[in-house]
C-alpha atoms as a PDB file:
ATOM      1  CA  MET A   1       0.000   0.000   0.000  1.00  0.00           C
ATOM      2  CA  LEU A   2       1.334   3.444  -0.891  1.00  0.00           C
ATOM      3  CA  HIS A   3       1.506   5.878   1.985  1.00  0.00           C
ATOM      4  CA  GLU A   4      -0.659   8.808   0.872  1.00  0.00           C
ATOM      5  CA  LEU A   5       0.714  11.292   3.392  1.00  0.00           C
ATOM      6  CA  GLU A   6       4.294  12.513   3.578  1.00  0.00           C
ATOM      7  CA  LEU A   7       6.208  10.607   6.234  1.00  0.00           C
ATOM      8  CA  PRO A   8       6.766  12.747   9.322  1.00  0.00           C
ATOM      9  CA  ARG A   9      10.294  13.556  10.428  1.00  0.00           C
ATOM     10  CA  ALA A  10      11.602  14.669  13.797  1.00  0.00           C
ATOM     11  CA  ARG A  11      14.901  15.287  15.543  1.00  0.00           C
ATOM     12  CA  ILE A  12      15.347  13.767  18.989  1.00  0.00           C
ATOM     13  CA  PRO A  13      16.688  16.498  21.299  1.00  0.00           C
ATOM     14  CA  HIS A  14      19.778  15.726  23.339  1.00  0.00           C
ATOM     15  CA  LEU A  15      19.621  15.564  27.141  1.00  0.00           C
ATOM     16  CA  ALA A  16      22.845  15.972  29.107  1.00  0.00           C
ATOM     17  CA  SER A  17      23.737  12.814  31.026  1.00  0.00           C
ATOM     18  CA  GLY A  18      22.553  13.003  34.615  1.00  0.00           C
ATOM     19  CA  LYS A  19      20.040  15.773  33.923  1.00  0.00           C
ATOM     20  CA  ALA A  20      16.366  15.286  34.789  1.00  0.00           C
ATOM     21  CA  PRO A  21      14.079  15.636  31.774  1.00  0.00           C
ATOM     22  CA  ALA A  22      12.313  19.013  31.551  1.00  0.00           C
ATOM     23  CA  TRP A  23       9.489  17.610  29.468  1.00  0.00           C
ATOM     24  CA  GLU A  24       7.536  20.837  29.083  1.00  0.00           C
ATOM     25  CA  SER A  25      10.391  22.362  27.070  1.00  0.00           C
ATOM     26  CA  VAL A  26      10.630  19.413  24.669  1.00  0.00           C
ATOM     27  CA  PRO A  27       8.903  19.697  21.261  1.00  0.00           C
ATOM     28  CA  GLU A  28       5.816  17.521  20.847  1.00  0.00           C
ATOM     29  CA  LEU A  29       4.974  14.978  18.185  1.00  0.00           C
ATOM     30  CA  THR A  30       1.347  15.070  17.051  1.00  0.00           C
ATOM     31  CA  LEU A  31      -0.695  11.877  16.910  1.00  0.00           C
ATOM     32  CA  ARG A  32      -3.384  11.639  14.247  1.00  0.00           C
ATOM     33  CA  ARG A  33      -6.135   9.155  13.514  1.00  0.00           C
ATOM     34  CA  ALA A  34      -4.481   6.023  12.183  1.00  0.00           C
ATOM     35  CA  GLN A  35      -7.055   5.334   9.467  1.00  0.00           C
ATOM     36  CA  ASP A  36      -7.183   8.743   7.761  1.00  0.00           C
ATOM     37  CA  GLY A  37      -4.814  11.226   9.411  1.00  0.00           C
ATOM     38  CA  GLY A  38      -7.662  13.188  10.988  1.00  0.00           C
ATOM     39  CA  VAL A  39      -7.725  14.868  14.401  1.00  0.00           C
ATOM     40  CA  PRO A  40      -8.327  12.340  17.223  1.00  0.00           C
ATOM     41  CA  LEU A  41     -11.077  12.904  19.744  1.00  0.00           C
ATOM     42  CA  TYR A  42      -8.660  11.962  22.558  1.00  0.00           C
ATOM     43  CA  ALA A  43      -5.458  14.008  22.320  1.00  0.00           C
ATOM     44  CA  THR A  44      -2.021  12.489  22.916  1.00  0.00           C
ATOM     45  CA  ARG A  45       1.284  14.307  23.325  1.00  0.00           C
ATOM     46  CA  VAL A  46       4.509  12.401  22.609  1.00  0.00           C
ATOM     47  CA  ARG A  47       7.967  13.774  23.420  1.00  0.00           C
ATOM     48  CA  LEU A  48      11.430  12.271  22.991  1.00  0.00           C
ATOM     49  CA  LEU A  49      14.869  12.779  24.512  1.00  0.00           C
ATOM     50  CA  ASP A  50      18.265  11.156  23.933  1.00  0.00           C
ATOM     51  CA  ASP A  51      20.906  11.301  26.676  1.00  0.00           C
ATOM     52  CA  GLY A  52      23.488   9.513  24.562  1.00  0.00           C
ATOM     53  CA  THR A  53      22.909   6.086  26.061  1.00  0.00           C
ATOM     54  CA  ARG A  54      19.116   5.943  26.372  1.00  0.00           C
ATOM     55  CA  LEU A  55      15.973   6.881  24.493  1.00  0.00           C
ATOM     56  CA  LEU A  56      13.383   8.534  26.721  1.00  0.00           C
ATOM     57  CA  VAL A  57       9.773   8.656  25.539  1.00  0.00           C
ATOM     58  CA  ARG A  58       6.855  10.347  27.259  1.00  0.00           C
ATOM     59  CA  PHE A  59       3.172   9.965  26.345  1.00  0.00           C
ATOM     60  CA  ASP A  60       0.547  12.304  27.839  1.00  0.00           C
ATOM     61  CA  CYS A  61      -2.943  10.997  27.152  1.00  0.00           C
ATOM     62  CA  ALA A  62      -6.231  12.828  27.567  1.00  0.00           C
ATOM     63  CA  ASP A  63      -8.588  10.182  28.920  1.00  0.00           C
ATOM     64  CA  PRO A  64     -11.732  10.721  31.008  1.00  0.00           C
ATOM     65  CA  ASP A  65     -12.164   6.979  31.627  1.00  0.00           C
ATOM     66  CA  ILE A  66      -8.800   5.279  32.225  1.00  0.00           C
ATOM     67  CA  TRP A  67      -8.943   1.506  32.425  1.00  0.00           C
ATOM     68  CA  ALA A  68      -6.934  -1.684  31.890  1.00  0.00           C
ATOM     69  CA  THR A  69      -7.018  -5.180  33.371  1.00  0.00           C
ATOM     70  CA  HIS A  70      -3.949  -6.972  31.961  1.00  0.00           C
ATOM     71  CA  GLY A  71      -1.363  -7.222  34.728  1.00  0.00           C
ATOM     72  CA  GLU A  72       1.321  -9.571  33.381  1.00  0.00           C
ATOM     73  CA  ARG A  73       4.270  -8.721  31.169  1.00  0.00           C
ATOM     74  CA  ASP A  74       3.749  -9.548  27.492  1.00  0.00           C
ATOM     75  CA  ALA A  75      -0.008  -9.954  27.936  1.00  0.00           C
ATOM     76  CA  PRO A  76      -2.059  -8.761  24.915  1.00  0.00           C
ATOM     77  CA  LEU A  77      -2.155  -5.161  26.101  1.00  0.00           C
ATOM     78  CA  TRP A  78      -3.482  -3.962  22.707  1.00  0.00           C
ATOM     79  CA  GLU A  79      -6.853  -5.511  23.596  1.00  0.00           C
ATOM     80  CA  GLU A  80      -7.391  -2.642  26.043  1.00  0.00           C
ATOM     81  CA  GLU A  81      -6.016   0.896  26.455  1.00  0.00           C
ATOM     82  CA  VAL A  82      -2.318   1.214  25.687  1.00  0.00           C
ATOM     83  CA  VAL A  83       0.479   3.330  24.210  1.00  0.00           C
ATOM     84  CA  GLU A  84       3.070   1.825  21.886  1.00  0.00           C
ATOM     85  CA  VAL A  85       6.530   2.505  20.424  1.00  0.00           C
ATOM     86  CA  PHE A  86       7.814   0.812  17.255  1.00  0.00           C
ATOM     87  CA  LEU A  87      11.512   1.389  16.526  1.00  0.00           C
ATOM     88  CA  ALA A  88      14.088   0.285  13.941  1.00  0.00           C
ATOM     89  CA  GLY A  89      17.556   1.391  12.917  1.00  0.00           C
ATOM     90  CA  GLY A  90      18.403   3.007   9.579  1.00  0.00           C
ATOM     91  CA  ALA A  91      16.427   4.959   6.994  1.00  0.00           C
ATOM     92  CA  ASP A  92      15.141   2.003   4.944  1.00  0.00           C
ATOM     93  CA  VAL A  93      11.716   0.425   5.407  1.00  0.00           C
ATOM     94  CA  PRO A  94      12.404  -2.001   8.259  1.00  0.00           C
ATOM     95  CA  THR A  95      11.837  -5.719   8.110  1.00  0.00           C
ATOM     96  CA  ARG A  96      12.911  -6.056  11.747  1.00  0.00           C
ATOM     97  CA  TYR A  97      11.778  -3.706  14.504  1.00  0.00           C
ATOM     98  CA  PHE A  98      11.154  -3.473  18.216  1.00  0.00           C
ATOM     99  CA  GLU A  99       7.701  -3.088  19.749  1.00  0.00           C
ATOM    100  CA  ILE A 100       7.186  -1.706  23.262  1.00  0.00           C
ATOM    101  CA  GLU A 101       3.785  -1.167  24.860  1.00  0.00           C
ATOM    102  CA  VAL A 102       2.696   0.217  28.242  1.00  0.00           C
ATOM    103  CA  ASN A 103      -0.826   0.177  29.647  1.00  0.00           C
ATOM    104  CA  PRO A 104      -2.316   2.489  32.325  1.00  0.00           C
ATOM    105  CA  LEU A 105      -1.293  -0.017  35.018  1.00  0.00           C
ATOM    106  CA  GLY A 106       2.372   0.312  34.029  1.00  0.00           C
ATOM    107  CA  VAL A 107       2.535  -3.198  32.557  1.00  0.00           C
ATOM    108  CA  LEU A 108       4.994  -3.789  29.702  1.00  0.00           C
ATOM    109  CA  PHE A 109       4.811  -5.691  26.457  1.00  0.00           C
ATOM    110  CA  ASP A 110       8.127  -5.906  24.602  1.00  0.00           C
ATOM    111  CA  ALA A 111       8.933  -7.903  21.489  1.00  0.00           C
ATOM    112  CA  LEU A 112      11.162  -8.182  18.454  1.00  0.00           C
ATOM    113  CA  VAL A 113       9.055  -8.203  15.286  1.00  0.00           C
ATOM    114  CA  LEU A 114      10.259  -9.830  12.062  1.00  0.00           C
ATOM    115  CA  ASN A 115       8.105  -8.542   9.220  1.00  0.00           C
ATOM    116  CA  PRO A 116       9.909  -9.257   5.919  1.00  0.00           C
ATOM    117  CA  ASP A 117       6.875  -8.648   3.701  1.00  0.00           C
ATOM    118  CA  GLY A 118       5.254  -5.808   5.644  1.00  0.00           C
ATOM    119  CA  ARG A 119       2.208  -8.012   6.204  1.00  0.00           C
ATOM    120  CA  ARG A 120       0.661  -9.514   9.310  1.00  0.00           C
ATOM    121  CA  ALA A 121       0.198 -12.841   7.565  1.00  0.00           C
ATOM    122  CA  THR A 122       3.937 -13.495   7.432  1.00  0.00           C
ATOM    123  CA  MET A 123       5.279 -11.508  10.387  1.00  0.00           C
ATOM    124  CA  ARG A 124       6.646 -13.160  13.524  1.00  0.00           C
ATOM    125  CA  VAL A 125       6.631 -11.684  17.018  1.00  0.00           C
ATOM    126  CA  ASP A 126       9.330 -12.792  19.463  1.00  0.00           C
ATOM    127  CA  THR A 127       8.217 -11.934  23.002  1.00  0.00           C
ATOM    128  CA  SER A 128      11.350 -13.508  24.469  1.00  0.00           C
ATOM    129  CA  TRP A 129      13.112 -10.189  23.773  1.00  0.00           C
ATOM    130  CA  ASN A 130      13.183  -8.629  27.242  1.00  0.00           C
ATOM    131  CA  PRO A 131      15.744  -5.788  27.282  1.00  0.00           C
ATOM    132  CA  PRO A 132      17.274  -5.670  30.770  1.00  0.00           C
ATOM    133  CA  GLY A 133      17.420  -1.886  30.903  1.00  0.00           C
ATOM    134  CA  LEU A 134      13.871  -1.173  29.746  1.00  0.00           C
ATOM    135  CA  LEU A 135      11.878   0.806  32.302  1.00  0.00           C
ATOM    136  CA  ALA A 136       8.353   2.214  32.319  1.00  0.00           C
ATOM    137  CA  ARG A 137       6.546   4.490  34.732  1.00  0.00           C
ATOM    138  CA  VAL A 138       2.890   5.511  34.645  1.00  0.00           C
ATOM    139  CA  VAL A 139       1.361   8.502  36.425  1.00  0.00           C
ATOM    140  CA  ARG A 140      -2.402   8.863  36.810  1.00  0.00           C
ATOM    141  CA  ASP A 141      -2.648  12.021  38.904  1.00  0.00           C
ATOM    142  CA  ALA A 142      -4.467  14.121  36.309  1.00  0.00           C
ATOM    143  CA  PRO A 143      -8.269  14.276  36.630  1.00  0.00           C
ATOM    144  CA  ALA A 144      -8.813  13.211  33.030  1.00  0.00           C
ATOM    145  CA  GLY A 145      -5.632  11.658  31.731  1.00  0.00           C
ATOM    146  CA  TRP A 146      -2.532   9.572  32.301  1.00  0.00           C
ATOM    147  CA  SER A 147       1.152   9.709  31.410  1.00  0.00           C
ATOM    148  CA  ALA A 148       3.654   7.000  30.561  1.00  0.00           C
ATOM    149  CA  GLU A 149       7.432   7.404  30.523  1.00  0.00           C
ATOM    150  CA  ILE A 150       9.582   4.779  28.818  1.00  0.00           C
ATOM    151  CA  VAL A 151      13.363   4.531  29.168  1.00  0.00           C
ATOM    152  CA  LEU A 152      15.143   2.268  26.691  1.00  0.00           C
ATOM    153  CA  PRO A 153      18.947   1.896  26.595  1.00  0.00           C
ATOM    154  CA  TRP A 154      20.118   2.185  23.006  1.00  0.00           C
ATOM    155  CA  ALA A 155      22.474  -0.752  23.493  1.00  0.00           C
ATOM    156  CA  ASP A 156      19.527  -3.058  24.211  1.00  0.00           C
ATOM    157  CA  CYS A 157      18.416  -2.526  20.607  1.00  0.00           C
ATOM    158  CA  PHE A 158      21.659  -1.654  18.839  1.00  0.00           C
ATOM    159  CA  PRO A 159      24.621  -3.349  20.559  1.00  0.00           C
ATOM    160  CA  ASP A 160      26.934  -2.500  17.635  1.00  0.00           C
ATOM    161  CA  GLY A 161      26.227   1.216  17.855  1.00  0.00           C
ATOM    162  CA  THR A 162      23.152   3.404  17.617  1.00  0.00           C
ATOM    163  CA  PRO A 163      22.382   4.667  14.105  1.00  0.00           C
ATOM    164  CA  SER A 164      21.935   8.380  13.528  1.00  0.00           C
ATOM    165  CA  LEU A 165      18.720   7.753  11.569  1.00  0.00           C
ATOM    166  CA  LEU A 166      15.846   5.589  12.769  1.00  0.00           C
ATOM    167  CA  ARG A 167      12.421   4.537  11.560  1.00  0.00           C
ATOM    168  CA  ALA A 168       9.716   4.747  14.214  1.00  0.00           C
ATOM    169  CA  ASN A 169       6.055   5.117  14.954  1.00  0.00           C
ATOM    170  CA  PHE A 170       4.150   5.980  18.120  1.00  0.00           C
ATOM    171  CA  PHE A 171       0.662   4.682  18.744  1.00  0.00           C
ATOM    172  CA  ARG A 172      -2.219   4.896  21.139  1.00  0.00           C
ATOM    173  CA  ILE A 173      -5.303   2.734  21.488  1.00  0.00           C
ATOM    174  CA  GLU A 174      -8.141   4.392  23.391  1.00  0.00           C
ATOM    175  CA  ARG A 175     -11.156   2.251  24.194  1.00  0.00           C
ATOM    176  CA  PRO A 176     -13.763   4.451  25.925  1.00  0.00           C
ATOM    177  CA  ARG A 177     -16.456   2.310  27.441  1.00  0.00           C
ATOM    178  CA  GLY A 178     -19.731   2.808  25.610  1.00  0.00           C
ATOM    179  CA  ARG A 179     -18.111   4.708  22.697  1.00  0.00           C
ATOM    180  CA  PRO A 180     -16.188   3.690  19.565  1.00  0.00           C
ATOM    181  CA  ASP A 181     -12.526   2.718  19.901  1.00  0.00           C
ATOM    182  CA  GLU A 182      -9.952   5.229  18.674  1.00  0.00           C
ATOM    183  CA  PHE A 183      -6.575   4.410  17.105  1.00  0.00           C
ATOM    184  CA  SER A 184      -4.037   7.193  16.706  1.00  0.00           C
ATOM    185  CA  CYS A 185      -0.403   7.371  15.640  1.00  0.00           C
ATOM    186  CA  TRP A 186       2.391   9.743  14.649  1.00  0.00           C
ATOM    187  CA  SER A 187       2.524   8.500  11.051  1.00  0.00           C
ATOM    188  CA  PRO A 188      -0.933   7.287   9.952  1.00  0.00           C
ATOM    189  CA  THR A 189      -0.926   3.786   8.520  1.00  0.00           C
ATOM    190  CA  LEU A 190      -4.106   4.525   6.493  1.00  0.00           C
ATOM    191  CA  ALA A 191      -5.497   1.042   7.078  1.00  0.00           C
ATOM    192  CA  ASP A 192      -9.086   0.278   8.051  1.00  0.00           C
ATOM    193  CA  PRO A 193      -9.520  -1.817  10.121  1.00  0.00           C
ATOM    194  CA  PRO A 194      -6.551  -0.164  11.867  1.00  0.00           C
ATOM    195  CA  ASP A 195      -3.217  -1.947  11.498  1.00  0.00           C
ATOM    196  CA  PHE A 196      -0.088  -0.580  13.175  1.00  0.00           C
ATOM    197  CA  HIS A 197       2.242  -3.151  11.608  1.00  0.00           C
ATOM    198  CA  ARG A 198       2.819  -1.171   8.409  1.00  0.00           C
ATOM    199  CA  PRO A 199       6.591  -0.508   8.534  1.00  0.00           C
ATOM    200  CA  GLU A 200       6.550   1.395   5.222  1.00  0.00           C
ATOM    201  CA  CYS A 201       4.574   4.064   7.101  1.00  0.00           C
ATOM    202  CA  PHE A 202       7.063   4.516   9.946  1.00  0.00           C
ATOM    203  CA  GLY A 203       8.324   8.084  10.309  1.00  0.00           C
ATOM    204  CA  ILE A 204      11.973   9.129  10.333  1.00  0.00           C
ATOM    205  CA  LEU A 205      13.880  10.178  13.460  1.00  0.00           C
ATOM    206  CA  THR A 206      17.275  11.870  13.595  1.00  0.00           C
ATOM    207  CA  ARG A 207      19.428  11.673  16.677  1.00  0.00           C
ATOM    208  CA  GLY A 208      20.494  15.240  17.473  1.00  0.00           C
ATOM    209  CA  ALA A 209      23.862  16.405  18.741  1.00  0.00           C
ATOM    210  CA  ALA A 210      24.114  18.104  22.118  1.00  0.00           C
ATOM    211  CA  ASP A 211      21.887  21.172  22.172  1.00  0.00           C
ATOM    212  CA  ALA A 212      22.803  24.045  24.454  1.00  0.00           C
ATOM    213  CA  ALA A 213      19.201  24.892  25.295  1.00  0.00           C
ATOM    214  CA  THR A 214      18.453  21.307  26.265  1.00  0.00           C
ATOM    215  CA  GLU A 215      21.725  20.904  28.138  1.00  0.00           C
ATOM    216  CA  ASP A 216      20.819  23.818  30.387  1.00  0.00           C
ATOM    217  CA  SER A 217      17.227  22.789  31.025  1.00  0.00           C
END
């Protein structure tokens, strides 16, 4: 399937090692409806930082009815409410990528996906990939929303060195009880029914060099 929208691009700001993230000063990525690129009913802010050894991702989700029941690692979190990161090295359409999910309970799903044809029918998902440095934290102190922070050491994905260019997508599944489900992502996959496993639609990330404004934040 041809991607009918231009692939989004973003630079990951640099965070000085040992500094606490000042998330409010970090540029946001916009999530759009997965099926058609429209404006989602439930807004999601995604922000990224790179401290040289780790990728830090933060999702802020507007959600008046937060819920999830899956409590075990690698459970099918996508059946409920969840945020997701798909990540691969290099600028080419990936046939191999990492999938990380976090639900509102702070439960993780992490897997290595082999998708040589860009189709669900032939892809394989290896849930034995459990990166030792992967961390996730969920905060639910907002009256109508929740936040998830993910910390992923680069070496857990790229032991031979982190590439300067990456292919990635960021997703959210919102399942409001009594209302239609909503699927949103950074780079719309333009599939209906929604399908996130469309690697040709992944956006392009650039790892930025140290930035003085971010260093001082």
